[in-house]
Structure formats: C-alpha cells, structure tokens
Amino acid sequence: MTSFQHMNVAQLHERLNEESLVIVDIRDPNTFAQGRVTKSQHLTNDNLADFLREADLDAPTVVVCYHGNSSQQAADFLASQDFTEVYSLDGGFTQWQLVYPEHVEK
C-alpha cells in the first residue's frame, strides 16, 4: 500500500496559498537555485535531520523533484516518518515550470 498521494501541478497551484502547505524540493542545489516552486524549501541529505525534527507532521507536504519520479521515494520516506499528508508532485518541477512560469522563484 502506498503511504503517499499524488498531486498534479493544477492541484498544487490551487493549494499554493494554503498557510500550512509545505513544499520541499529534493533536486540538486544548483538546479534549485536556478528556479523552484514558490514557497518551496530545499531538502537535502544534509538538512533532512533538522527538517524531520522541526516539521509539522500534520501539515500537507508536497515533494518536488525533476519529473515526479524520485519524489515518490522521498514522499514514501516522509510518510514512513509519520507525516500524515504527503504528496509527490506528478510531472515535477519540469511540468510546473511549463504550466506556471509566473510561480517560479529564483
């Protein structure tokens, strides 16, 4: 059974202004610096422990990668750490950038 859910870019766009929404981007630092979904924070192996310690486990959390593949493993991992509402962004940042270029932070 999968412990995370899928979210498409339109669903994320609808929920972008939710105060409690957490967006984590697991792409490499250079790519993250060049552009990311508005409000997203960079999640790396280096800051994972801090993130887990400080995170609100009940906040809806969306994992973003390049194309929506590796985010599934990361979302599954977060769900295994007792996060209650975890999503993998289908299509990843690549899809987001195509559909919502106005919501790309640099």
PDB file of N, CA and C in Angstrom:
ATOM      1  N   MET A   1       0.841  -1.210   0.000  1.00  0.00           N
ATOM      2  CA  MET A   1       0.000   0.000   0.000  1.00  0.00           C
ATOM      3  C   MET A   1       0.873   1.256   0.000  1.00  0.00           C
ATOM      4  N   THR A   2       0.523   2.190  -0.801  1.00  0.00           N
ATOM      5  CA  THR A   2       1.300   3.433  -0.869  1.00  0.00           C
ATOM      6  C   THR A   2       0.896   4.335   0.278  1.00  0.00           C
ATOM      7  N   SER A   3       1.879   4.975   0.838  1.00  0.00           N
ATOM      8  CA  SER A   3       1.616   5.799   2.009  1.00  0.00           C
ATOM      9  C   SER A   3       1.534   7.280   1.656  1.00  0.00           C
ATOM     10  N   PHE A   4       1.797   7.599   0.395  1.00  0.00           N
ATOM     11  CA  PHE A   4       1.704   8.994  -0.037  1.00  0.00           C
ATOM     12  C   PHE A   4       0.682   9.085  -1.157  1.00  0.00           C
ATOM     13  N   GLN A   5       0.312  10.315  -1.495  1.00  0.00           N
ATOM     14  CA  GLN A   5      -0.646  10.536  -2.568  1.00  0.00           C
ATOM     15  C   GLN A   5       0.037  11.296  -3.702  1.00  0.00           C
ATOM     16  N   HIS A   6      -0.601  11.292  -4.848  1.00  0.00           N
ATOM     17  CA  HIS A   6      -0.081  12.049  -5.979  1.00  0.00           C
ATOM     18  C   HIS A   6      -0.841  13.370  -6.082  1.00  0.00           C
ATOM     19  N   MET A   7      -0.134  14.389  -6.533  1.00  0.00           N
ATOM     20  CA  MET A   7      -0.755  15.690  -6.755  1.00  0.00           C
ATOM     21  C   MET A   7      -0.261  16.171  -8.111  1.00  0.00           C
ATOM     22  N   ASN A   8      -1.167  16.705  -8.925  1.00  0.00           N
ATOM     23  CA  ASN A   8      -0.704  17.260 -10.196  1.00  0.00           C
ATOM     24  C   ASN A   8      -0.461  18.762 -10.029  1.00  0.00           C
ATOM     25  N   VAL A   9       0.126  19.380 -11.042  1.00  0.00           N
ATOM     26  CA  VAL A   9       0.513  20.789 -10.913  1.00  0.00           C
ATOM     27  C   VAL A   9      -0.705  21.698 -10.716  1.00  0.00           C
ATOM     28  N   ALA A  10      -1.837  21.358 -11.326  1.00  0.00           N
ATOM     29  CA  ALA A  10      -3.044  22.177 -11.152  1.00  0.00           C
ATOM     30  C   ALA A  10      -3.537  22.121  -9.707  1.00  0.00           C
ATOM     31  N   GLN A  11      -3.474  20.940  -9.095  1.00  0.00           N
ATOM     32  CA  GLN A  11      -3.895  20.802  -7.700  1.00  0.00           C
ATOM     33  C   GLN A  11      -2.961  21.587  -6.779  1.00  0.00           C
ATOM     34  N   LEU A  12      -1.666  21.525  -7.052  1.00  0.00           N
ATOM     35  CA  LEU A  12      -0.718  22.293  -6.242  1.00  0.00           C
ATOM     36  C   LEU A  12      -0.970  23.784  -6.416  1.00  0.00           C
ATOM     37  N   HIS A  13      -1.215  24.211  -7.638  1.00  0.00           N
ATOM     38  CA  HIS A  13      -1.477  25.619  -7.903  1.00  0.00           C
ATOM     39  C   HIS A  13      -2.682  26.098  -7.101  1.00  0.00           C
ATOM     40  N   GLU A  14      -3.733  25.275  -7.029  1.00  0.00           N
ATOM     41  CA  GLU A  14      -4.933  25.633  -6.258  1.00  0.00           C
ATOM     42  C   GLU A  14      -4.637  25.788  -4.777  1.00  0.00           C
ATOM     43  N   ARG A  15      -3.702  25.000  -4.268  1.00  0.00           N
ATOM     44  CA  ARG A  15      -3.428  24.982  -2.831  1.00  0.00           C
ATOM     45  C   ARG A  15      -2.239  25.836  -2.417  1.00  0.00           C
ATOM     46  N   LEU A  16      -1.616  26.517  -3.385  1.00  0.00           N
ATOM     47  CA  LEU A  16      -0.368  27.244  -3.129  1.00  0.00           C
ATOM     48  C   LEU A  16      -0.480  28.261  -1.999  1.00  0.00           C
ATOM     49  N   ASN A  17      -1.647  28.874  -1.833  1.00  0.00           N
ATOM     50  CA  ASN A  17      -1.791  29.909  -0.811  1.00  0.00           C
ATOM     51  C   ASN A  17      -2.212  29.388   0.549  1.00  0.00           C
ATOM     52  N   GLU A  18      -2.350  28.064   0.671  1.00  0.00           N
ATOM     53  CA  GLU A  18      -2.670  27.496   1.989  1.00  0.00           C
ATOM     54  C   GLU A  18      -1.508  27.752   2.930  1.00  0.00           C
ATOM     55  N   GLU A  19      -1.825  28.324   4.083  1.00  0.00           N
ATOM     56  CA  GLU A  19      -0.797  28.690   5.050  1.00  0.00           C
ATOM     57  C   GLU A  19       0.018  27.485   5.508  1.00  0.00           C
ATOM     58  N   SER A  20      -0.645  26.351   5.712  1.00  0.00           N
ATOM     59  CA  SER A  20       0.041  25.198   6.305  1.00  0.00           C
ATOM     60  C   SER A  20       0.812  24.356   5.280  1.00  0.00           C
ATOM     61  N   LEU A  21       0.617  24.630   3.984  1.00  0.00           N
ATOM     62  CA  LEU A  21       1.242  23.807   2.947  1.00  0.00           C
ATOM     63  C   LEU A  21       2.764  23.919   2.984  1.00  0.00           C
ATOM     64  N   VAL A  22       3.431  22.765   2.976  1.00  0.00           N
ATOM     65  CA  VAL A  22       4.889  22.720   2.963  1.00  0.00           C
ATOM     66  C   VAL A  22       5.318  22.100   1.636  1.00  0.00           C
ATOM     67  N   ILE A  23       6.226  22.776   0.928  1.00  0.00           N
ATOM     68  CA  ILE A  23       6.733  22.254  -0.339  1.00  0.00           C
ATOM     69  C   ILE A  23       8.233  22.032  -0.181  1.00  0.00           C
ATOM     70  N   VAL A  24       8.670  20.802  -0.384  1.00  0.00           N
ATOM     71  CA  VAL A  24      10.100  20.506  -0.295  1.00  0.00           C
ATOM     72  C   VAL A  24      10.598  20.060  -1.662  1.00  0.00           C
ATOM     73  N   ASP A  25      11.736  20.594  -2.053  1.00  0.00           N
ATOM     74  CA  ASP A  25      12.333  20.330  -3.357  1.00  0.00           C
ATOM     75  C   ASP A  25      13.604  19.527  -3.120  1.00  0.00           C
ATOM     76  N   ILE A  26      13.696  18.356  -3.746  1.00  0.00           N
ATOM     77  CA  ILE A  26      14.845  17.476  -3.494  1.00  0.00           C
ATOM     78  C   ILE A  26      15.856  17.474  -4.645  1.00  0.00           C
ATOM     79  N   ARG A  27      15.725  18.419  -5.572  1.00  0.00           N
ATOM     80  CA  ARG A  27      16.690  18.491  -6.679  1.00  0.00           C
ATOM     81  C   ARG A  27      18.036  18.997  -6.172  1.00  0.00           C
ATOM     82  N   ASP A  28      19.046  18.927  -7.031  1.00  0.00           N
ATOM     83  CA  ASP A  28      20.385  19.349  -6.608  1.00  0.00           C
ATOM     84  C   ASP A  28      20.424  20.868  -6.356  1.00  0.00           C
ATOM     85  N   PRO A  29      21.370  21.308  -5.525  1.00  0.00           N
ATOM     86  CA  PRO A  29      21.427  22.719  -5.105  1.00  0.00           C
ATOM     87  C   PRO A  29      21.478  23.721  -6.256  1.00  0.00           C
ATOM     88  N   ASN A  30      22.267  23.454  -7.304  1.00  0.00           N
ATOM     89  CA  ASN A  30      22.368  24.394  -8.423  1.00  0.00           C
ATOM     90  C   ASN A  30      21.038  24.559  -9.134  1.00  0.00           C
ATOM     91  N   THR A  31      20.369  23.445  -9.393  1.00  0.00           N
ATOM     92  CA  THR A  31      19.084  23.499 -10.087  1.00  0.00           C
ATOM     93  C   THR A  31      18.052  24.200  -9.224  1.00  0.00           C
ATOM     94  N   PHE A  32      18.059  23.898  -7.934  1.00  0.00           N
ATOM     95  CA  PHE A  32      17.140  24.546  -7.004  1.00  0.00           C
ATOM     96  C   PHE A  32      17.346  26.057  -7.014  1.00  0.00           C
ATOM     97  N   ALA A  33      18.609  26.475  -7.020  1.00  0.00           N
ATOM     98  CA  ALA A  33      18.933  27.908  -7.005  1.00  0.00           C
ATOM     99  C   ALA A  33      18.476  28.601  -8.288  1.00  0.00           C
ATOM    100  N   GLN A  34      18.449  27.877  -9.398  1.00  0.00           N
ATOM    101  CA  GLN A  34      18.062  28.478 -10.680  1.00  0.00           C
ATOM    102  C   GLN A  34      16.559  28.694 -10.797  1.00  0.00           C
ATOM    103  N   GLY A  35      15.778  27.946 -10.043  1.00  0.00           N
ATOM    104  CA  GLY A  35      14.342  28.125 -10.099  1.00  0.00           C
ATOM    105  C   GLY A  35      13.631  27.042  -9.322  1.00  0.00           C
ATOM    106  N   ARG A  36      12.576  27.430  -8.618  1.00  0.00           N
ATOM    107  CA  ARG A  36      11.832  26.483  -7.786  1.00  0.00           C
ATOM    108  C   ARG A  36      10.394  26.957  -7.660  1.00  0.00           C
ATOM    109  N   VAL A  37       9.539  26.037  -7.224  1.00  0.00           N
ATOM    110  CA  VAL A  37       8.145  26.378  -6.963  1.00  0.00           C
ATOM    111  C   VAL A  37       8.110  27.421  -5.852  1.00  0.00           C
ATOM    112  N   THR A  38       7.296  28.449  -6.003  1.00  0.00           N
ATOM    113  CA  THR A  38       7.128  29.466  -4.978  1.00  0.00           C
ATOM    114  C   THR A  38       6.904  28.811  -3.619  1.00  0.00           C
ATOM    115  N   LYS A  39       7.549  29.342  -2.578  1.00  0.00           N
ATOM    116  CA  LYS A  39       7.393  28.855  -1.199  1.00  0.00           C
ATOM    117  C   LYS A  39       8.127  27.557  -0.890  1.00  0.00           C
ATOM    118  N   SER A  40       8.812  26.963  -1.870  1.00  0.00           N
ATOM    119  CA  SER A  40       9.438  25.674  -1.578  1.00  0.00           C
ATOM    120  C   SER A  40      10.754  25.855  -0.838  1.00  0.00           C
ATOM    121  N   GLN A  41      11.098  24.841  -0.060  1.00  0.00           N
ATOM    122  CA  GLN A  41      12.376  24.831   0.634  1.00  0.00           C
ATOM    123  C   GLN A  41      13.183  23.655   0.109  1.00  0.00           C
ATOM    124  N   HIS A  42      14.497  23.819   0.159  1.00  0.00           N
ATOM    125  CA  HIS A  42      15.377  22.784  -0.361  1.00  0.00           C
ATOM    126  C   HIS A  42      15.561  21.711   0.705  1.00  0.00           C
ATOM    127  N   LEU A  43      15.352  20.468   0.324  1.00  0.00           N
ATOM    128  CA  LEU A  43      15.545  19.357   1.248  1.00  0.00           C
ATOM    129  C   LEU A  43      16.667  18.482   0.715  1.00  0.00           C
ATOM    130  N   THR A  44      17.727  18.349   1.525  1.00  0.00           N
ATOM    131  CA  THR A  44      18.899  17.559   1.120  1.00  0.00           C
ATOM    132  C   THR A  44      19.231  16.561   2.216  1.00  0.00           C
ATOM    133  N   ASN A  45      20.134  15.662   1.935  1.00  0.00           N
ATOM    134  CA  ASN A  45      20.581  14.732   2.971  1.00  0.00           C
ATOM    135  C   ASN A  45      21.197  15.488   4.141  1.00  0.00           C
ATOM    136  N   ASP A  46      21.790  16.648   3.855  1.00  0.00           N
ATOM    137  CA  ASP A  46      22.448  17.432   4.908  1.00  0.00           C
ATOM    138  C   ASP A  46      21.459  18.066   5.877  1.00  0.00           C
ATOM    139  N   ASN A  47      20.285  18.485   5.387  1.00  0.00           N
ATOM    140  CA  ASN A  47      19.346  19.161   6.293  1.00  0.00           C
ATOM    141  C   ASN A  47      18.127  18.298   6.641  1.00  0.00           C
ATOM    142  N   LEU A  48      18.130  17.040   6.204  1.00  0.00           N
ATOM    143  CA  LEU A  48      16.994  16.160   6.438  1.00  0.00           C
ATOM    144  C   LEU A  48      16.692  15.971   7.923  1.00  0.00           C
ATOM    145  N   ALA A  49      17.719  15.734   8.726  1.00  0.00           N
ATOM    146  CA  ALA A  49      17.509  15.513  10.165  1.00  0.00           C
ATOM    147  C   ALA A  49      16.855  16.730  10.820  1.00  0.00           C
ATOM    148  N   ASP A  50      17.340  17.930  10.469  1.00  0.00           N
ATOM    149  CA  ASP A  50      16.751  19.162  11.012  1.00  0.00           C
ATOM    150  C   ASP A  50      15.309  19.307  10.557  1.00  0.00           C
ATOM    151  N   PHE A  51      15.075  19.029   9.277  1.00  0.00           N
ATOM    152  CA  PHE A  51      13.722  19.144   8.744  1.00  0.00           C
ATOM    153  C   PHE A  51      12.773  18.210   9.502  1.00  0.00           C
ATOM    154  N   LEU A  52      13.191  16.965   9.691  1.00  0.00           N
ATOM    155  CA  LEU A  52      12.337  15.993  10.380  1.00  0.00           C
ATOM    156  C   LEU A  52      12.065  16.419  11.826  1.00  0.00           C
ATOM    157  N   ARG A  53      13.074  16.984  12.467  1.00  0.00           N
ATOM    158  CA  ARG A  53      12.936  17.397  13.864  1.00  0.00           C
ATOM    159  C   ARG A  53      11.967  18.581  13.994  1.00  0.00           C
ATOM    160  N   GLU A  54      11.999  19.494  13.012  1.00  0.00           N
ATOM    161  CA  GLU A  54      11.226  20.734  13.137  1.00  0.00           C
ATOM    162  C   GLU A  54       9.882  20.689  12.414  1.00  0.00           C
ATOM    163  N   ALA A  55       9.656  19.666  11.622  1.00  0.00           N
ATOM    164  CA  ALA A  55       8.472  19.635  10.754  1.00  0.00           C
ATOM    165  C   ALA A  55       7.176  19.438  11.532  1.00  0.00           C
ATOM    166  N   ASP A  56       6.114  20.010  10.986  1.00  0.00           N
ATOM    167  CA  ASP A  56       4.766  19.737  11.472  1.00  0.00           C
ATOM    168  C   ASP A  56       4.285  18.505  10.711  1.00  0.00           C
ATOM    169  N   LEU A  57       4.186  17.381  11.414  1.00  0.00           N
ATOM    170  CA  LEU A  57       3.870  16.122  10.747  1.00  0.00           C
ATOM    171  C   LEU A  57       2.462  16.093  10.162  1.00  0.00           C
ATOM    172  N   ASP A  58       1.605  17.015  10.613  1.00  0.00           N
ATOM    173  CA  ASP A  58       0.240  17.053  10.104  1.00  0.00           C
ATOM    174  C   ASP A  58       0.039  18.065   8.983  1.00  0.00           C
ATOM    175  N   ALA A  59       1.077  18.828   8.676  1.00  0.00           N
ATOM    176  CA  ALA A  59       0.965  19.803   7.584  1.00  0.00           C
ATOM    177  C   ALA A  59       1.014  19.068   6.250  1.00  0.00           C
ATOM    178  N   PRO A  60       0.158  19.457   5.298  1.00  0.00           N
ATOM    179  CA  PRO A  60       0.262  18.839   3.975  1.00  0.00           C
ATOM    180  C   PRO A  60       1.625  19.156   3.373  1.00  0.00           C
ATOM    181  N   THR A  61       2.340  18.121   2.964  1.00  0.00           N
ATOM    182  CA  THR A  61       3.710  18.267   2.484  1.00  0.00           C
ATOM    183  C   THR A  61       3.829  17.717   1.073  1.00  0.00           C
ATOM    184  N   VAL A  62       4.328  18.546   0.155  1.00  0.00           N
ATOM    185  CA  VAL A  62       4.456  18.162  -1.244  1.00  0.00           C
ATOM    186  C   VAL A  62       5.941  18.054  -1.577  1.00  0.00           C
ATOM    187  N   VAL A  63       6.326  16.914  -2.146  1.00  0.00           N
ATOM    188  CA  VAL A  63       7.720  16.692  -2.537  1.00  0.00           C
ATOM    189  C   VAL A  63       7.858  16.922  -4.040  1.00  0.00           C
ATOM    190  N   VAL A  64       8.847  17.759  -4.411  1.00  0.00           N
ATOM    191  CA  VAL A  64       9.081  18.114  -5.808  1.00  0.00           C
ATOM    192  C   VAL A  64      10.472  17.632  -6.213  1.00  0.00           C
ATOM    193  N   CYS A  65      10.553  16.989  -7.388  1.00  0.00           N
ATOM    194  CA  CYS A  65      11.847  16.642  -7.972  1.00  0.00           C
ATOM    195  C   CYS A  65      11.840  17.133  -9.418  1.00  0.00           C
ATOM    196  N   TYR A  66      12.622  16.539 -10.276  1.00  0.00           N
ATOM    197  CA  TYR A  66      12.681  16.990 -11.669  1.00  0.00           C
ATOM    198  C   TYR A  66      11.412  16.636 -12.445  1.00  0.00           C
ATOM    199  N   HIS A  67      11.053  15.348 -12.420  1.00  0.00           N
ATOM    200  CA  HIS A  67       9.954  14.872 -13.268  1.00  0.00           C
ATOM    201  C   HIS A  67       8.868  14.121 -12.510  1.00  0.00           C
ATOM    202  N   GLY A  68       8.987  14.008 -11.190  1.00  0.00           N
ATOM    203  CA  GLY A  68       7.972  13.303 -10.418  1.00  0.00           C
ATOM    204  C   GLY A  68       8.302  11.844 -10.172  1.00  0.00           C
ATOM    205  N   ASN A  69       9.548  11.448 -10.367  1.00  0.00           N
ATOM    206  CA  ASN A  69       9.941  10.063 -10.120  1.00  0.00           C
ATOM    207  C   ASN A  69      10.601   9.882  -8.757  1.00  0.00           C
ATOM    208  N   SER A  70      11.746  10.543  -8.542  1.00  0.00           N
ATOM    209  CA  SER A  70      12.423  10.375  -7.250  1.00  0.00           C
ATOM    210  C   SER A  70      11.623  10.982  -6.100  1.00  0.00           C
ATOM    211  N   SER A  71      10.720  11.923  -6.408  1.00  0.00           N
ATOM    212  CA  SER A  71       9.886  12.490  -5.346  1.00  0.00           C
ATOM    213  C   SER A  71       8.975  11.422  -4.731  1.00  0.00           C
ATOM    214  N   GLN A  72       8.647  10.382  -5.488  1.00  0.00           N
ATOM    215  CA  GLN A  72       7.797   9.328  -4.946  1.00  0.00           C
ATOM    216  C   GLN A  72       8.501   8.572  -3.826  1.00  0.00           C
ATOM    217  N   GLN A  73       9.788   8.287  -4.026  1.00  0.00           N
ATOM    218  CA  GLN A  73      10.553   7.606  -2.966  1.00  0.00           C
ATOM    219  C   GLN A  73      10.692   8.512  -1.748  1.00  0.00           C
ATOM    220  N   ALA A  74      10.949   9.788  -1.987  1.00  0.00           N
ATOM    221  CA  ALA A  74      11.096  10.733  -0.878  1.00  0.00           C
ATOM    222  C   ALA A  74       9.772  10.893  -0.132  1.00  0.00           C
ATOM    223  N   ALA A  75       8.670  10.967  -0.863  1.00  0.00           N
ATOM    224  CA  ALA A  75       7.348  11.092  -0.236  1.00  0.00           C
ATOM    225  C   ALA A  75       7.035   9.845   0.589  1.00  0.00           C
ATOM    226  N   ASP A  76       7.380   8.698   0.047  1.00  0.00           N
ATOM    227  CA  ASP A  76       7.178   7.440   0.755  1.00  0.00           C
ATOM    228  C   ASP A  76       7.983   7.439   2.062  1.00  0.00           C
ATOM    229  N   PHE A  77       9.225   7.939   1.987  1.00  0.00           N
ATOM    230  CA  PHE A  77      10.063   8.020   3.181  1.00  0.00           C
ATOM    231  C   PHE A  77       9.438   8.938   4.230  1.00  0.00           C
ATOM    232  N   LEU A  78       8.971  10.129   3.803  1.00  0.00           N
ATOM    233  CA  LEU A  78       8.362  11.059   4.761  1.00  0.00           C
ATOM    234  C   LEU A  78       7.126  10.433   5.396  1.00  0.00           C
ATOM    235  N   ALA A  79       6.328   9.738   4.600  1.00  0.00           N
ATOM    236  CA  ALA A  79       5.148   9.065   5.145  1.00  0.00           C
ATOM    237  C   ALA A  79       5.565   8.034   6.187  1.00  0.00           C
ATOM    238  N   SER A  80       6.679   7.365   5.957  1.00  0.00           N
ATOM    239  CA  SER A  80       7.170   6.369   6.920  1.00  0.00           C
ATOM    240  C   SER A  80       7.678   7.025   8.198  1.00  0.00           C
ATOM    241  N   GLN A  81       7.918   8.343   8.150  1.00  0.00           N
ATOM    242  CA  GLN A  81       8.361   9.098   9.330  1.00  0.00           C
ATOM    243  C   GLN A  81       7.174   9.760  10.037  1.00  0.00           C
ATOM    244  N   ASP A  82       5.988   9.244   9.810  1.00  0.00           N
ATOM    245  CA  ASP A  82       4.752   9.688  10.468  1.00  0.00           C
ATOM    246  C   ASP A  82       4.166  10.994   9.950  1.00  0.00           C
ATOM    247  N   PHE A  83       4.579  11.441   8.780  1.00  0.00           N
ATOM    248  CA  PHE A  83       3.881  12.559   8.145  1.00  0.00           C
ATOM    249  C   PHE A  83       2.514  12.035   7.723  1.00  0.00           C
ATOM    250  N   THR A  84       1.467  12.796   7.982  1.00  0.00           N
ATOM    251  CA  THR A  84       0.114  12.273   7.743  1.00  0.00           C
ATOM    252  C   THR A  84      -0.427  12.575   6.355  1.00  0.00           C
ATOM    253  N   GLU A  85       0.075  13.636   5.704  1.00  0.00           N
ATOM    254  CA  GLU A  85      -0.466  14.025   4.394  1.00  0.00           C
ATOM    255  C   GLU A  85       0.685  14.405   3.470  1.00  0.00           C
ATOM    256  N   VAL A  86       1.184  13.414   2.736  1.00  0.00           N
ATOM    257  CA  VAL A  86       2.352  13.617   1.882  1.00  0.00           C
ATOM    258  C   VAL A  86       1.971  13.390   0.421  1.00  0.00           C
ATOM    259  N   TYR A  87       2.478  14.266  -0.446  1.00  0.00           N
ATOM    260  CA  TYR A  87       2.197  14.178  -1.875  1.00  0.00           C
ATOM    261  C   TYR A  87       3.496  14.180  -2.664  1.00  0.00           C
ATOM    262  N   SER A  88       3.477  13.477  -3.792  1.00  0.00           N
ATOM    263  CA  SER A  88       4.545  13.574  -4.776  1.00  0.00           C
ATOM    264  C   SER A  88       3.962  14.371  -5.938  1.00  0.00           C
ATOM    265  N   LEU A  89       4.701  15.388  -6.383  1.00  0.00           N
ATOM    266  CA  LEU A  89       4.199  16.222  -7.476  1.00  0.00           C
ATOM    267  C   LEU A  89       4.422  15.523  -8.815  1.00  0.00           C
ATOM    268  N   ASP A  90       3.329  15.099  -9.446  1.00  0.00           N
ATOM    269  CA  ASP A  90       3.418  14.446 -10.757  1.00  0.00           C
ATOM    270  C   ASP A  90       3.933  15.439 -11.790  1.00  0.00           C
ATOM    271  N   GLY A  91       4.915  15.019 -12.577  1.00  0.00           N
ATOM    272  CA  GLY A  91       5.499  15.896 -13.589  1.00  0.00           C
ATOM    273  C   GLY A  91       6.629  16.737 -13.043  1.00  0.00           C
ATOM    274  N   GLY A  92       6.730  16.823 -11.713  1.00  0.00           N
ATOM    275  CA  GLY A  92       7.828  17.522 -11.068  1.00  0.00           C
ATOM    276  C   GLY A  92       7.939  18.992 -11.439  1.00  0.00           C
ATOM    277  N   PHE A  93       9.119  19.535 -11.148  1.00  0.00           N
ATOM    278  CA  PHE A  93       9.353  20.950 -11.416  1.00  0.00           C
ATOM    279  C   PHE A  93       9.304  21.245 -12.911  1.00  0.00           C
ATOM    280  N   THR A  94       9.699  20.281 -13.729  1.00  0.00           N
ATOM    281  CA  THR A  94       9.688  20.473 -15.179  1.00  0.00           C
ATOM    282  C   THR A  94       8.285  20.843 -15.654  1.00  0.00           C
ATOM    283  N   GLN A  95       7.310  20.089 -15.200  1.00  0.00           N
ATOM    284  CA  GLN A  95       5.916  20.346 -15.565  1.00  0.00           C
ATOM    285  C   GLN A  95       5.435  21.673 -14.963  1.00  0.00           C
ATOM    286  N   TRP A  96       5.773  21.911 -13.707  1.00  0.00           N
ATOM    287  CA  TRP A  96       5.366  23.144 -13.016  1.00  0.00           C
ATOM    288  C   TRP A  96       5.850  24.372 -13.780  1.00  0.00           C
ATOM    289  N   GLN A  97       7.114  24.348 -14.196  1.00  0.00           N
ATOM    290  CA  GLN A  97       7.733  25.487 -14.878  1.00  0.00           C
ATOM    291  C   GLN A  97       7.040  25.762 -16.215  1.00  0.00           C
ATOM    292  N   LEU A  98       6.619  24.693 -16.891  1.00  0.00           N
ATOM    293  CA  LEU A  98       5.922  24.847 -18.170  1.00  0.00           C
ATOM    294  C   LEU A  98       4.548  25.483 -17.992  1.00  0.00           C
ATOM    295  N   VAL A  99       3.822  25.020 -16.980  1.00  0.00           N
ATOM    296  CA  VAL A  99       2.425  25.432 -16.813  1.00  0.00           C
ATOM    297  C   VAL A  99       2.292  26.729 -16.009  1.00  0.00           C
ATOM    298  N   TYR A 100       3.146  26.921 -15.000  1.00  0.00           N
ATOM    299  CA  TYR A 100       3.034  28.087 -14.119  1.00  0.00           C
ATOM    300  C   TYR A 100       4.359  28.846 -13.993  1.00  0.00           C
ATOM    301  N   PRO A 101       4.886  29.356 -15.113  1.00  0.00           N
ATOM    302  CA  PRO A 101       6.176  30.060 -15.030  1.00  0.00           C
ATOM    303  C   PRO A 101       6.125  31.278 -14.100  1.00  0.00           C
ATOM    304  N   GLU A 102       4.934  31.831 -13.903  1.00  0.00           N
ATOM    305  CA  GLU A 102       4.805  33.003 -13.012  1.00  0.00           C
ATOM    306  C   GLU A 102       4.963  32.617 -11.536  1.00  0.00           C
ATOM    307  N   HIS A 103       4.932  31.317 -11.248  1.00  0.00           N
ATOM    308  CA  HIS A 103       5.093  30.859  -9.864  1.00  0.00           C
ATOM    309  C   HIS A 103       6.415  30.113  -9.686  1.00  0.00           C
ATOM    310  N   VAL A 104       7.445  30.618 -10.384  1.00  0.00           N
ATOM    311  CA  VAL A 104       8.786  30.087 -10.224  1.00  0.00           C
ATOM    312  C   VAL A 104       9.626  31.152  -9.531  1.00  0.00           C
ATOM    313  N   GLU A 105      10.196  30.789  -8.392  1.00  0.00           N
ATOM    314  CA  GLU A 105      11.079  31.695  -7.648  1.00  0.00           C
ATOM    315  C   GLU A 105      12.506  31.436  -8.055  1.00  0.00           C
ATOM    316  N   LYS A 106      13.301  32.514  -8.089  1.00  0.00           N
ATOM    317  CA  LYS A 106      14.725  32.331  -8.382  1.00  0.00           C
ATOM    318  C   LYS A 106      15.558  32.944  -7.281  1.00  0.00           C
TER     319      LYS A 106
END
